């Protein structure tokens, strides 16, 4: 007795059409990855901003002398000042290094010139010993503010603590005065300059990485949102 033919071909007969393949993989719609990538990029950009502020602050601190105020008067770093020629008194500490600044009107010197004194500044120590400010400062500084220019013209080390009498010689410009301030040591100044250079590279690296990750995360985020809408 034979059975009725069924809807499927017999095992010994070839199929009349191709077998169906595996179903297509569903498109990913999760935005977790894009959110993390974008967030890390934003954090790197904020880090670049912090590094930029720190780098600028370090550089300004290294080159800032505080010898002149904005209106051209003696600044916070000045321990004593006197007209050139003139005299004054100042209290110094033994073993400390001090710099002598000559301050002249801005139009008294050209851009490629430095103001000069006719002779070295002389200081009389409490014991009566005479000290000449004929040394080289740790950092040769020149700054301008309030229509005046201040430049280092000498340096010295105080041999003893106490009140010194300062004798200032004439300058090569009129309306000039001399300021005494703590000398800037070369080591920390050089370290600040090197730190500024390294800081610039850090800012560039963080900015490039942060911008790339933020942009890539945003694009990835948009694609995932579109895929989620299509799946819905």
N, C-alpha and C. Protein backbone atom coordinates (compact mmCIF):
# COMPACT_ATOMS: atom_id res chain seq x y z
N UNK A 1 0.86 -1.17 0.00
CA UNK A 1 0.00 0.00 0.00
C UNK A 1 0.88 1.21 0.00
N UNK A 2 0.59 2.11 -0.90
CA UNK A 2 1.42 3.31 -1.04
C UNK A 2 0.77 4.45 -0.31
N UNK A 3 1.61 5.32 0.22
CA UNK A 3 1.11 6.51 0.96
C UNK A 3 1.05 7.70 0.03
N UNK A 4 0.28 8.67 0.39
CA UNK A 4 0.13 9.89 -0.44
C UNK A 4 1.41 10.69 -0.39
N UNK A 5 1.71 11.25 -1.53
CA UNK A 5 2.94 12.07 -1.55
C UNK A 5 2.84 13.25 -0.61
N UNK A 6 3.91 13.53 0.09
CA UNK A 6 3.94 14.67 1.02
C UNK A 6 4.48 15.93 0.37
N UNK A 7 4.54 16.98 1.12
CA UNK A 7 5.02 18.27 0.56
C UNK A 7 6.54 18.34 0.42
N UNK A 8 7.30 17.41 1.00
CA UNK A 8 8.76 17.47 0.96
C UNK A 8 9.29 16.44 -0.02
N UNK A 9 10.39 16.69 -0.69
CA UNK A 9 10.96 15.71 -1.62
C UNK A 9 11.47 14.50 -0.88
N UNK A 10 11.47 13.39 -1.56
CA UNK A 10 11.99 12.15 -0.98
C UNK A 10 13.46 12.30 -0.73
N UNK A 11 14.01 11.52 0.19
CA UNK A 11 15.44 11.64 0.51
C UNK A 11 16.32 11.42 -0.69
N UNK A 12 15.92 10.56 -1.65
CA UNK A 12 16.78 10.29 -2.79
C UNK A 12 16.56 11.26 -3.94
N UNK A 13 15.73 12.29 -3.71
CA UNK A 13 15.50 13.27 -4.77
C UNK A 13 16.14 14.60 -4.37
N UNK A 14 16.76 15.25 -5.32
CA UNK A 14 17.40 16.53 -5.00
C UNK A 14 16.36 17.59 -4.70
N UNK A 15 16.73 18.52 -3.85
CA UNK A 15 15.83 19.62 -3.51
C UNK A 15 15.64 20.50 -4.73
N UNK A 16 14.46 21.04 -4.87
CA UNK A 16 14.17 21.87 -6.03
C UNK A 16 14.71 23.28 -5.88
N UNK A 17 15.11 23.75 -4.67
CA UNK A 17 15.63 25.11 -4.46
C UNK A 17 16.72 25.12 -3.42
N UNK A 18 17.39 26.24 -3.27
CA UNK A 18 18.48 26.33 -2.28
C UNK A 18 17.95 26.30 -0.87
N UNK A 19 18.76 25.73 0.06
CA UNK A 19 18.38 25.70 1.46
C UNK A 19 18.52 27.12 2.04
N UNK A 20 17.64 27.52 2.93
CA UNK A 20 17.76 28.88 3.51
C UNK A 20 19.01 28.98 4.38
N UNK A 21 19.76 30.11 4.27
CA UNK A 21 20.97 30.33 5.07
C UNK A 21 20.63 30.79 6.48
N UNK A 22 21.68 31.03 7.30
CA UNK A 22 21.45 31.49 8.68
C UNK A 22 20.83 32.89 8.67
N UNK A 23 20.02 33.18 9.64
CA UNK A 23 19.39 34.51 9.69
C UNK A 23 20.45 35.59 9.90
N UNK A 24 20.24 36.79 9.36
CA UNK A 24 21.23 37.89 9.54
C UNK A 24 21.37 38.28 11.01
N UNK A 25 22.60 38.65 11.38
CA UNK A 25 22.86 39.06 12.76
C UNK A 25 22.19 40.39 13.03
N UNK A 26 21.57 40.55 14.15
CA UNK A 26 20.90 41.82 14.46
C UNK A 26 21.93 42.94 14.65
N UNK A 27 21.58 44.13 14.20
CA UNK A 27 22.48 45.28 14.36
C UNK A 27 22.52 45.69 15.83
N UNK A 28 23.73 46.04 16.27
CA UNK A 28 23.89 46.44 17.66
C UNK A 28 23.33 47.85 17.84
N UNK A 29 22.59 48.03 18.91
CA UNK A 29 21.96 49.34 19.18
C UNK A 29 22.36 49.92 20.52
N UNK A 30 23.22 49.23 21.26
CA UNK A 30 23.63 49.74 22.58
C UNK A 30 24.53 50.97 22.41
N UNK A 31 24.31 51.98 23.22
CA UNK A 31 25.12 53.21 23.16
C UNK A 31 26.13 53.26 24.31
N UNK A 32 26.33 52.16 25.01
CA UNK A 32 27.27 52.16 26.13
C UNK A 32 28.69 52.47 25.67
N UNK A 33 29.14 51.80 24.61
CA UNK A 33 30.49 52.06 24.09
C UNK A 33 30.68 53.50 23.65
N UNK A 34 29.79 54.04 22.80
CA UNK A 34 29.93 55.44 22.40
C UNK A 34 29.92 56.42 23.56
N UNK A 35 29.08 56.14 24.57
CA UNK A 35 29.02 57.04 25.72
C UNK A 35 30.35 57.05 26.46
N UNK A 36 30.93 55.86 26.68
CA UNK A 36 32.22 55.80 27.37
C UNK A 36 33.33 56.47 26.56
N UNK A 37 33.35 56.24 25.27
CA UNK A 37 34.38 56.84 24.43
C UNK A 37 34.27 58.37 24.44
N UNK A 38 33.05 58.87 24.32
CA UNK A 38 32.85 60.31 24.35
C UNK A 38 33.23 60.90 25.70
N UNK A 39 32.85 60.20 26.77
CA UNK A 39 33.16 60.70 28.12
C UNK A 39 34.66 60.77 28.35
N UNK A 40 35.38 59.73 27.93
CA UNK A 40 36.84 59.75 28.09
C UNK A 40 37.45 60.89 27.27
N UNK A 41 36.94 61.12 26.07
CA UNK A 41 37.44 62.23 25.26
C UNK A 41 37.22 63.56 25.93
N UNK A 42 36.05 63.76 26.54
CA UNK A 42 35.79 65.02 27.23
C UNK A 42 36.72 65.19 28.43
N UNK A 43 36.96 64.10 29.16
CA UNK A 43 37.88 64.17 30.31
C UNK A 43 39.28 64.55 29.85
N UNK A 44 39.73 63.99 28.72
CA UNK A 44 41.06 64.34 28.20
C UNK A 44 41.12 65.81 27.79
N UNK A 45 40.04 66.32 27.21
CA UNK A 45 40.01 67.73 26.84
C UNK A 45 40.07 68.62 28.07
N UNK A 46 39.36 68.24 29.13
CA UNK A 46 39.43 68.99 30.38
C UNK A 46 40.84 68.92 30.97
N UNK A 47 41.47 67.74 30.87
CA UNK A 47 42.85 67.63 31.33
C UNK A 47 43.80 68.52 30.54
N UNK A 48 43.56 68.63 29.23
CA UNK A 48 44.37 69.53 28.40
C UNK A 48 44.19 70.98 28.84
N UNK A 49 42.96 71.35 29.20
CA UNK A 49 42.72 72.72 29.67
C UNK A 49 43.44 72.99 30.98
N UNK A 50 43.39 72.03 31.90
CA UNK A 50 44.09 72.20 33.18
C UNK A 50 45.60 72.29 32.96
N UNK A 51 46.13 71.44 32.08
CA UNK A 51 47.57 71.47 31.78
C UNK A 51 47.96 72.79 31.13
N UNK A 52 47.09 73.32 30.28
CA UNK A 52 47.37 74.61 29.63
C UNK A 52 47.45 75.73 30.66
N UNK A 53 46.50 75.77 31.59
CA UNK A 53 46.51 76.80 32.63
C UNK A 53 47.75 76.67 33.51
N UNK A 54 48.09 75.43 33.88
CA UNK A 54 49.27 75.21 34.72
C UNK A 54 50.56 75.60 33.99
N UNK A 55 50.63 75.29 32.70
CA UNK A 55 51.82 75.64 31.92
C UNK A 55 51.99 77.14 31.81
N UNK A 56 50.89 77.84 31.50
CA UNK A 56 50.97 79.29 31.40
C UNK A 56 51.34 79.91 32.75
N UNK A 57 50.73 79.39 33.82
CA UNK A 57 51.05 79.91 35.15
C UNK A 57 52.51 79.70 35.53
N UNK A 58 53.05 78.52 35.20
CA UNK A 58 54.47 78.27 35.49
C UNK A 58 55.39 79.16 34.71
N UNK A 59 55.05 79.40 33.44
CA UNK A 59 55.91 80.26 32.61
C UNK A 59 55.87 81.70 33.10
N UNK A 60 54.67 82.19 33.42
CA UNK A 60 54.55 83.57 33.90
C UNK A 60 55.29 83.73 35.23
N UNK A 61 55.18 82.73 36.11
CA UNK A 61 55.89 82.81 37.37
C UNK A 61 57.40 82.80 37.19
N UNK A 62 57.89 82.11 36.16
CA UNK A 62 59.35 82.04 35.94
C UNK A 62 59.90 83.37 35.43
N UNK A 63 59.16 84.04 34.56
CA UNK A 63 59.68 85.28 33.95
C UNK A 63 59.22 86.53 34.70
N UNK A 64 58.35 86.36 35.67
CA UNK A 64 57.84 87.52 36.40
C UNK A 64 58.84 87.93 37.47
N UNK A 65 59.13 89.24 37.56
CA UNK A 65 60.09 89.73 38.53
C UNK A 65 59.43 90.50 39.67
N UNK A 66 58.25 91.07 39.46
CA UNK A 66 57.55 91.88 40.47
C UNK A 66 58.39 93.06 40.93
N UNK A 67 59.26 93.56 40.05
CA UNK A 67 60.06 94.74 40.38
C UNK A 67 59.27 96.01 40.11
N UNK A 68 58.38 95.98 39.11
CA UNK A 68 57.58 97.15 38.75
C UNK A 68 56.10 96.84 38.88
N UNK A 69 55.35 97.82 39.34
CA UNK A 69 53.90 97.72 39.32
C UNK A 69 53.39 98.17 37.95
N UNK A 70 52.11 98.08 37.75
CA UNK A 70 51.54 98.46 36.45
C UNK A 70 51.72 99.93 36.13
N UNK A 71 51.89 100.75 37.16
CA UNK A 71 52.10 102.18 36.91
C UNK A 71 53.56 102.59 37.02
N UNK A 72 54.48 101.60 37.03
CA UNK A 72 55.91 101.91 36.97
C UNK A 72 56.56 102.22 38.30
N UNK A 73 55.91 101.92 39.41
CA UNK A 73 56.50 102.15 40.73
C UNK A 73 57.14 100.86 41.25
N UNK A 74 57.92 100.95 42.37
CA UNK A 74 58.54 99.74 42.91
C UNK A 74 57.51 98.68 43.25
N UNK A 75 57.76 97.43 42.82
CA UNK A 75 56.82 96.34 43.01
C UNK A 75 57.02 95.62 44.33
N UNK A 76 56.28 94.51 44.47
CA UNK A 76 56.28 93.78 45.73
C UNK A 76 57.62 93.13 46.03
N UNK A 77 58.42 92.83 45.01
CA UNK A 77 59.70 92.16 45.24
C UNK A 77 60.81 93.12 45.67
N UNK A 78 60.58 94.41 45.57
CA UNK A 78 61.63 95.39 45.86
C UNK A 78 61.79 95.55 47.37
N UNK A 79 63.02 95.37 47.85
CA UNK A 79 63.33 95.54 49.27
C UNK A 79 63.68 96.98 49.59
N UNK A 80 64.28 97.68 48.64
CA UNK A 80 64.64 99.08 48.83
C UNK A 80 64.88 99.69 47.46
N UNK A 81 64.68 101.00 47.36
CA UNK A 81 64.92 101.71 46.09
C UNK A 81 65.50 103.07 46.39
N UNK A 82 66.25 103.60 45.42
CA UNK A 82 66.87 104.92 45.57
C UNK A 82 67.11 105.51 44.19
N UNK A 83 67.08 106.84 44.12
CA UNK A 83 67.37 107.52 42.86
C UNK A 83 68.82 107.28 42.46
N UNK A 84 69.09 107.42 41.15
CA UNK A 84 70.46 107.28 40.64
C UNK A 84 70.91 108.64 40.08
N UNK A 85 71.80 109.36 40.78
CA UNK A 85 72.51 108.96 42.02
C UNK A 85 71.64 109.20 43.26
N UNK A 86 71.99 108.48 44.34
CA UNK A 86 71.26 108.62 45.58
C UNK A 86 71.73 107.59 46.59
N UNK A 87 71.01 107.50 47.71
CA UNK A 87 71.38 106.57 48.78
C UNK A 87 70.11 106.12 49.49
N UNK A 88 70.20 104.95 50.12
CA UNK A 88 69.08 104.41 50.88
C UNK A 88 69.61 103.38 51.86
N UNK A 89 68.73 102.79 52.64
CA UNK A 89 69.09 101.73 53.57
C UNK A 89 68.19 100.53 53.32
N UNK A 90 68.72 99.32 53.61
CA UNK A 90 67.96 98.09 53.40
C UNK A 90 68.44 97.05 54.40
N UNK A 91 67.52 96.22 54.87
CA UNK A 91 67.85 95.13 55.80
C UNK A 91 68.02 93.86 54.99
N UNK A 92 69.18 93.22 55.13
CA UNK A 92 69.51 92.02 54.35
C UNK A 92 69.86 90.87 55.30
N UNK A 93 69.84 89.66 54.75
CA UNK A 93 70.11 88.45 55.51
C UNK A 93 71.43 87.84 55.05
N UNK A 94 72.24 87.41 55.99
CA UNK A 94 73.55 86.85 55.67
C UNK A 94 73.41 85.61 54.79
N UNK A 95 74.27 85.52 53.77
CA UNK A 95 74.29 84.37 52.88
C UNK A 95 73.28 84.40 51.76
N UNK A 96 72.35 85.35 51.77
CA UNK A 96 71.35 85.45 50.72
C UNK A 96 71.92 86.23 49.53
N UNK A 97 71.42 85.85 48.35
CA UNK A 97 71.86 86.49 47.11
C UNK A 97 70.82 87.53 46.69
N UNK A 98 71.31 88.72 46.32
CA UNK A 98 70.43 89.82 45.93
C UNK A 98 70.85 90.37 44.56
N UNK A 99 69.87 90.88 43.84
CA UNK A 99 70.11 91.47 42.53
C UNK A 99 69.81 92.96 42.57
N UNK A 100 70.54 93.70 41.74
CA UNK A 100 70.35 95.15 41.62
C UNK A 100 69.71 95.43 40.26
N UNK A 101 68.57 96.13 40.27
CA UNK A 101 67.86 96.50 39.05
C UNK A 101 68.00 98.00 38.83
N UNK A 102 68.26 98.38 37.58
CA UNK A 102 68.24 99.78 37.19
C UNK A 102 66.95 100.03 36.41
N UNK A 103 66.20 101.02 36.85
CA UNK A 103 64.91 101.35 36.24
C UNK A 103 65.01 102.70 35.56
N UNK A 104 64.69 102.76 34.27
CA UNK A 104 64.76 103.98 33.49
C UNK A 104 63.47 104.13 32.68
N UNK A 105 63.18 105.34 32.17
CA UNK A 105 62.03 105.49 31.28
C UNK A 105 62.18 104.63 30.03
N UNK A 106 61.06 104.14 29.52
CA UNK A 106 61.11 103.23 28.38
C UNK A 106 61.77 103.88 27.16
N UNK A 107 61.54 105.16 26.95
CA UNK A 107 62.10 105.81 25.77
C UNK A 107 63.57 106.19 25.94
N UNK A 108 64.17 105.85 27.10
CA UNK A 108 65.58 106.17 27.32
C UNK A 108 66.51 105.14 26.71
N UNK A 109 66.01 103.95 26.37
CA UNK A 109 66.83 102.90 25.78
C UNK A 109 66.10 102.32 24.58
N UNK A 110 66.89 101.85 23.59
CA UNK A 110 66.29 101.18 22.45
C UNK A 110 65.98 99.73 22.81
N UNK A 111 65.27 99.06 21.90
CA UNK A 111 64.85 97.68 22.18
C UNK A 111 66.03 96.74 22.35
N UNK A 112 67.15 97.01 21.67
CA UNK A 112 68.31 96.12 21.74
C UNK A 112 69.34 96.59 22.75
N UNK A 113 68.98 97.53 23.62
CA UNK A 113 69.92 98.05 24.61
C UNK A 113 69.45 97.73 26.02
N UNK A 114 70.42 97.76 26.95
CA UNK A 114 70.13 97.61 28.37
C UNK A 114 70.66 98.85 29.08
N UNK A 115 69.91 99.39 30.05
CA UNK A 115 70.40 100.55 30.81
C UNK A 115 71.61 100.16 31.66
N UNK A 116 72.46 101.11 31.92
CA UNK A 116 73.68 100.85 32.68
C UNK A 116 73.94 101.95 33.69
N UNK A 117 74.65 101.59 34.76
CA UNK A 117 75.12 102.54 35.75
C UNK A 117 76.56 102.93 35.44
N UNK A 118 76.95 104.12 35.89
CA UNK A 118 78.33 104.56 35.66
C UNK A 118 79.31 103.69 36.44
N UNK A 119 78.92 103.23 37.62
CA UNK A 119 79.76 102.38 38.46
C UNK A 119 78.87 101.35 39.16
N UNK A 120 79.52 100.47 39.92
CA UNK A 120 78.76 99.47 40.67
C UNK A 120 78.13 100.10 41.91
N UNK A 121 76.99 99.55 42.30
CA UNK A 121 76.36 99.96 43.55
C UNK A 121 77.21 99.46 44.72
N UNK A 122 77.41 100.31 45.73
CA UNK A 122 78.19 99.95 46.91
C UNK A 122 77.28 99.86 48.12
N UNK A 123 77.55 98.89 48.97
CA UNK A 123 76.76 98.71 50.19
C UNK A 123 77.72 98.63 51.38
N UNK A 124 77.37 99.34 52.46
CA UNK A 124 78.15 99.28 53.68
C UNK A 124 77.41 98.39 54.67
N UNK A 125 78.06 97.29 55.09
CA UNK A 125 77.46 96.34 56.01
C UNK A 125 77.40 96.92 57.42
N UNK A 126 76.65 96.33 58.32
CA UNK A 126 76.59 96.82 59.71
C UNK A 126 77.95 96.88 60.38
N UNK A 127 78.87 96.00 59.99
CA UNK A 127 80.21 96.00 60.58
C UNK A 127 81.13 97.04 59.97
N UNK A 128 80.69 97.72 58.93
CA UNK A 128 81.51 98.72 58.26
C UNK A 128 82.18 98.21 56.99
N UNK A 129 82.09 96.92 56.69
CA UNK A 129 82.67 96.37 55.47
C UNK A 129 81.89 96.86 54.26
N UNK A 130 82.59 97.09 53.17
CA UNK A 130 81.98 97.58 51.93
C UNK A 130 81.81 96.41 50.96
N UNK A 131 80.62 96.29 50.41
CA UNK A 131 80.29 95.22 49.47
C UNK A 131 79.98 95.86 48.12
N UNK A 132 80.59 95.35 47.07
CA UNK A 132 80.32 95.83 45.71
C UNK A 132 79.32 94.90 45.03
N UNK A 133 78.31 95.48 44.42
CA UNK A 133 77.33 94.68 43.68
C UNK A 133 77.83 94.49 42.25
N UNK A 134 78.95 93.77 42.14
CA UNK A 134 79.60 93.58 40.84
C UNK A 134 79.46 92.15 40.31
N UNK A 135 78.63 91.33 40.97
CA UNK A 135 78.45 89.95 40.52
C UNK A 135 77.41 89.83 39.42
N UNK A 136 77.32 88.63 38.87
CA UNK A 136 76.32 88.35 37.83
C UNK A 136 75.08 87.76 38.48
N UNK A 137 73.91 88.25 38.13
CA UNK A 137 72.68 87.67 38.69
C UNK A 137 72.46 86.25 38.20
N UNK A 138 71.72 85.47 38.99
CA UNK A 138 71.43 84.10 38.57
C UNK A 138 70.69 84.06 37.25
N UNK A 139 69.76 85.00 37.07
CA UNK A 139 69.00 85.13 35.83
C UNK A 139 69.02 86.59 35.43
N UNK A 140 69.51 86.87 34.24
CA UNK A 140 69.52 88.25 33.74
C UNK A 140 68.12 88.62 33.31
N UNK A 141 67.50 89.54 34.05
CA UNK A 141 66.11 89.90 33.83
C UNK A 141 65.98 91.27 33.20
N UNK A 142 64.96 91.44 32.39
CA UNK A 142 64.58 92.75 31.87
C UNK A 142 63.07 92.75 31.67
N UNK A 143 62.41 93.68 32.30
CA UNK A 143 60.96 93.74 32.25
C UNK A 143 60.52 95.18 32.10
N UNK A 144 59.30 95.38 31.67
CA UNK A 144 58.76 96.72 31.48
C UNK A 144 57.34 96.82 31.95
N UNK A 145 56.99 97.99 32.51
CA UNK A 145 55.62 98.25 32.95
C UNK A 145 55.50 99.73 33.28
N UNK A 146 54.33 100.30 33.03
CA UNK A 146 54.08 101.69 33.40
C UNK A 146 55.01 102.67 32.74
N UNK A 147 55.45 102.40 31.51
CA UNK A 147 56.33 103.33 30.82
C UNK A 147 57.77 103.30 31.28
N UNK A 148 58.15 102.23 32.02
CA UNK A 148 59.53 102.11 32.49
C UNK A 148 60.08 100.72 32.18
N UNK A 149 61.40 100.64 32.16
CA UNK A 149 62.10 99.38 31.92
C UNK A 149 63.04 99.12 33.08
N UNK A 150 63.00 97.89 33.62
CA UNK A 150 63.89 97.49 34.71
C UNK A 150 64.77 96.35 34.23
N UNK A 151 66.08 96.48 34.45
CA UNK A 151 67.04 95.46 34.02
C UNK A 151 68.06 95.24 35.12
N UNK A 152 68.49 93.98 35.27
CA UNK A 152 69.51 93.66 36.27
C UNK A 152 70.85 94.21 35.81
N UNK A 153 71.56 94.87 36.74
CA UNK A 153 72.88 95.44 36.43
C UNK A 153 73.94 94.91 37.38
N UNK A 154 73.60 94.05 38.30
CA UNK A 154 74.59 93.51 39.22
C UNK A 154 73.92 92.62 40.26
N UNK A 155 74.76 91.95 41.05
CA UNK A 155 74.27 91.07 42.11
C UNK A 155 75.35 90.94 43.17
N UNK A 156 74.95 90.52 44.36
CA UNK A 156 75.92 90.35 45.45
C UNK A 156 75.32 89.42 46.49
N UNK A 157 76.19 88.91 47.36
CA UNK A 157 75.78 88.07 48.49
C UNK A 157 76.04 88.84 49.78
N UNK A 158 75.04 88.93 50.62
CA UNK A 158 75.19 89.67 51.88
C UNK A 158 76.09 88.90 52.82
N UNK A 159 77.18 89.51 53.31
CA UNK A 159 78.08 88.78 54.20
C UNK A 159 77.56 88.64 55.62
N UNK A 160 76.64 89.49 56.03
CA UNK A 160 76.10 89.45 57.38
C UNK A 160 74.68 89.99 57.39
N UNK A 161 73.97 89.69 58.43
CA UNK A 161 72.59 90.16 58.55
C UNK A 161 72.57 91.52 59.22
N UNK A 162 71.63 92.34 58.81
CA UNK A 162 71.50 93.66 59.43
C UNK A 162 71.13 94.72 58.41
N UNK A 163 71.25 95.98 58.85
CA UNK A 163 70.88 97.12 58.01
C UNK A 163 72.11 97.62 57.24
N UNK A 164 71.95 97.69 55.92
CA UNK A 164 73.02 98.14 55.04
C UNK A 164 72.70 99.54 54.52
N UNK A 165 73.75 100.33 54.34
CA UNK A 165 73.64 101.63 53.67
C UNK A 165 74.03 101.44 52.21
N UNK A 166 73.16 101.88 51.28
CA UNK A 166 73.35 101.66 49.86
C UNK A 166 73.70 102.98 49.18
N UNK A 167 74.78 103.00 48.41
CA UNK A 167 75.20 104.17 47.64
C UNK A 167 75.02 103.86 46.16
N UNK A 168 74.21 104.66 45.49
CA UNK A 168 73.88 104.43 44.08
C UNK A 168 74.59 105.47 43.21
N UNK A 169 75.35 105.04 42.20
CA UNK A 169 76.02 105.98 41.31
C UNK A 169 75.06 106.52 40.25
N UNK A 170 75.50 107.48 39.44
CA UNK A 170 74.64 107.99 38.37
C UNK A 170 74.40 106.92 37.30
N UNK A 171 73.31 107.10 36.56
CA UNK A 171 72.96 106.20 35.46
C UNK A 171 73.17 106.92 34.14
N UNK A 172 73.09 106.17 33.04
CA UNK A 172 73.26 106.76 31.73
C UNK A 172 71.96 107.33 31.18
N UNK A 173 70.94 107.47 32.04
CA UNK A 173 69.66 108.04 31.63
C UNK A 173 69.13 108.88 32.79
N UNK A 174 68.36 109.90 32.47
CA UNK A 174 67.77 110.74 33.49
C UNK A 174 66.52 110.08 34.07
N UNK A 175 66.11 110.56 35.25
CA UNK A 175 64.92 110.05 35.93
C UNK A 175 65.03 108.54 36.15
N UNK A 176 66.21 108.08 36.56
CA UNK A 176 66.46 106.66 36.79
C UNK A 176 66.53 106.39 38.28
N UNK A 177 66.21 105.16 38.67
CA UNK A 177 66.35 104.75 40.05
C UNK A 177 66.73 103.27 40.11
N UNK A 178 67.23 102.87 41.26
CA UNK A 178 67.76 101.52 41.46
C UNK A 178 66.89 100.79 42.48
N UNK A 179 66.66 99.52 42.24
CA UNK A 179 65.89 98.67 43.15
C UNK A 179 66.73 97.47 43.54
N UNK A 180 66.62 97.06 44.79
CA UNK A 180 67.28 95.85 45.28
C UNK A 180 66.21 94.82 45.61
N UNK A 181 66.38 93.62 45.06
CA UNK A 181 65.41 92.54 45.25
C UNK A 181 66.17 91.22 45.36
N UNK A 182 65.49 90.19 45.83
CA UNK A 182 66.10 88.87 45.91
C UNK A 182 66.45 88.38 44.51
N UNK A 183 67.62 87.77 44.38
CA UNK A 183 68.06 87.26 43.08
C UNK A 183 67.31 85.98 42.74
N UNK A 184 67.05 85.78 41.46
CA UNK A 184 66.40 84.54 40.99
C UNK A 184 67.48 83.51 40.71
N UNK A 185 67.50 82.37 41.41
CA UNK A 185 68.49 81.33 41.11
C UNK A 185 68.22 80.71 39.74
N UNK A 186 69.31 80.30 39.10
CA UNK A 186 69.18 79.80 37.73
C UNK A 186 68.51 78.43 37.68
N UNK A 187 68.78 77.56 38.66
CA UNK A 187 68.25 76.19 38.63
C UNK A 187 66.73 76.15 38.56
N UNK A 188 66.03 76.76 39.51
CA UNK A 188 64.56 76.74 39.43
C UNK A 188 64.02 77.42 38.18
N UNK A 189 64.70 78.50 37.75
CA UNK A 189 64.25 79.18 36.52
C UNK A 189 64.37 78.25 35.31
N UNK A 190 65.51 77.56 35.21
CA UNK A 190 65.69 76.63 34.10
C UNK A 190 64.68 75.49 34.18
N UNK A 191 64.42 74.99 35.40
CA UNK A 191 63.42 73.94 35.56
C UNK A 191 62.04 74.40 35.13
N UNK A 192 61.71 75.66 35.41
CA UNK A 192 60.40 76.19 34.99
C UNK A 192 60.31 76.26 33.48
N UNK A 193 61.40 76.65 32.82
CA UNK A 193 61.39 76.73 31.36
C UNK A 193 61.22 75.34 30.75
N UNK A 194 61.97 74.36 31.29
CA UNK A 194 61.84 72.99 30.78
C UNK A 194 60.42 72.46 31.04
N UNK A 195 59.89 72.75 32.23
CA UNK A 195 58.54 72.33 32.53
C UNK A 195 57.51 72.95 31.60
N UNK A 196 57.77 74.20 31.19
CA UNK A 196 56.86 74.86 30.24
C UNK A 196 56.88 74.15 28.89
N UNK A 197 58.08 73.80 28.44
CA UNK A 197 58.19 73.10 27.15
C UNK A 197 57.49 71.75 27.20
N UNK A 198 57.73 70.99 28.28
CA UNK A 198 57.06 69.69 28.42
C UNK A 198 55.55 69.87 28.54
N UNK A 199 55.14 70.92 29.23
CA UNK A 199 53.71 71.18 29.37
C UNK A 199 53.03 71.44 28.05
N UNK A 200 53.74 72.10 27.14
CA UNK A 200 53.17 72.36 25.82
C UNK A 200 52.92 71.05 25.08
N UNK A 201 53.87 70.11 25.17
CA UNK A 201 53.68 68.81 24.51
C UNK A 201 52.54 68.03 25.17
N UNK A 202 52.41 68.13 26.48
CA UNK A 202 51.31 67.44 27.17
C UNK A 202 49.96 68.01 26.71
N UNK A 203 49.90 69.33 26.61
CA UNK A 203 48.65 69.96 26.16
C UNK A 203 48.30 69.52 24.75
N UNK A 204 49.29 69.50 23.86
CA UNK A 204 49.04 69.09 22.48
C UNK A 204 48.57 67.63 22.43
N UNK A 205 49.26 66.74 23.18
CA UNK A 205 48.88 65.33 23.16
C UNK A 205 47.49 65.09 23.72
N UNK A 206 47.18 65.70 24.86
CA UNK A 206 45.85 65.51 25.44
C UNK A 206 44.77 66.11 24.55
N UNK A 207 45.06 67.24 23.94
CA UNK A 207 44.06 67.87 23.07
C UNK A 207 43.78 67.00 21.85
N UNK A 208 44.84 66.48 21.23
CA UNK A 208 44.64 65.65 20.04
C UNK A 208 43.88 64.37 20.38
N UNK A 209 44.29 63.69 21.46
CA UNK A 209 43.61 62.46 21.84
C UNK A 209 42.17 62.73 22.27
N UNK A 210 41.96 63.77 23.06
CA UNK A 210 40.62 64.08 23.52
C UNK A 210 39.69 64.48 22.39
N UNK A 211 40.20 65.29 21.44
CA UNK A 211 39.36 65.69 20.32
C UNK A 211 38.99 64.49 19.45
N UNK A 212 39.98 63.63 19.18
CA UNK A 212 39.71 62.46 18.35
C UNK A 212 38.71 61.52 18.99
N UNK A 213 38.87 61.27 20.31
CA UNK A 213 37.95 60.36 20.98
C UNK A 213 36.55 60.97 21.10
N UNK A 214 36.48 62.25 21.36
CA UNK A 214 35.16 62.89 21.47
C UNK A 214 34.45 62.87 20.13
N UNK A 215 35.15 63.22 19.06
CA UNK A 215 34.54 63.21 17.74
C UNK A 215 34.13 61.80 17.32
N UNK A 216 35.04 60.83 17.52
CA UNK A 216 34.72 59.45 17.17
C UNK A 216 33.56 58.91 17.98
N UNK A 217 33.53 59.22 19.29
CA UNK A 217 32.43 58.76 20.12
C UNK A 217 31.11 59.38 19.71
N UNK A 218 31.12 60.66 19.32
CA UNK A 218 29.88 61.31 18.89
C UNK A 218 29.34 60.67 17.61
N UNK A 219 30.25 60.41 16.65
CA UNK A 219 29.81 59.77 15.40
C UNK A 219 29.28 58.38 15.67
N UNK A 220 30.00 57.63 16.49
CA UNK A 220 29.56 56.27 16.84
C UNK A 220 28.21 56.31 17.54
N UNK A 221 28.01 57.28 18.41
CA UNK A 221 26.77 57.44 19.14
C UNK A 221 25.60 57.67 18.17
N UNK A 222 25.80 58.55 17.19
CA UNK A 222 24.75 58.84 16.21
C UNK A 222 24.38 57.59 15.42
N UNK A 223 25.40 56.81 15.01
CA UNK A 223 25.12 55.58 14.26
C UNK A 223 24.32 54.59 15.09
N UNK A 224 24.65 54.45 16.36
CA UNK A 224 23.92 53.52 17.22
C UNK A 224 22.47 53.98 17.44
N UNK A 225 22.28 55.29 17.58
CA UNK A 225 20.93 55.79 17.74
C UNK A 225 20.09 55.53 16.50
N UNK A 226 20.69 55.73 15.32
CA UNK A 226 19.97 55.44 14.07
C UNK A 226 19.61 53.95 13.96
N UNK A 227 20.58 53.09 14.36
CA UNK A 227 20.30 51.65 14.32
C UNK A 227 19.19 51.29 15.30
N UNK A 228 19.14 51.91 16.45
CA UNK A 228 18.08 51.63 17.39
C UNK A 228 16.72 52.06 16.85
N UNK A 229 16.70 53.20 16.19
CA UNK A 229 15.42 53.65 15.61
C UNK A 229 14.97 52.72 14.49
N UNK A 230 15.95 52.25 13.67
CA UNK A 230 15.59 51.34 12.58
C UNK A 230 15.06 50.02 13.13
N UNK A 231 15.67 49.53 14.22
CA UNK A 231 15.21 48.27 14.80
C UNK A 231 13.83 48.41 15.42
N UNK A 232 13.51 49.61 15.90
CA UNK A 232 12.21 49.80 16.51
C UNK A 232 11.11 49.86 15.46
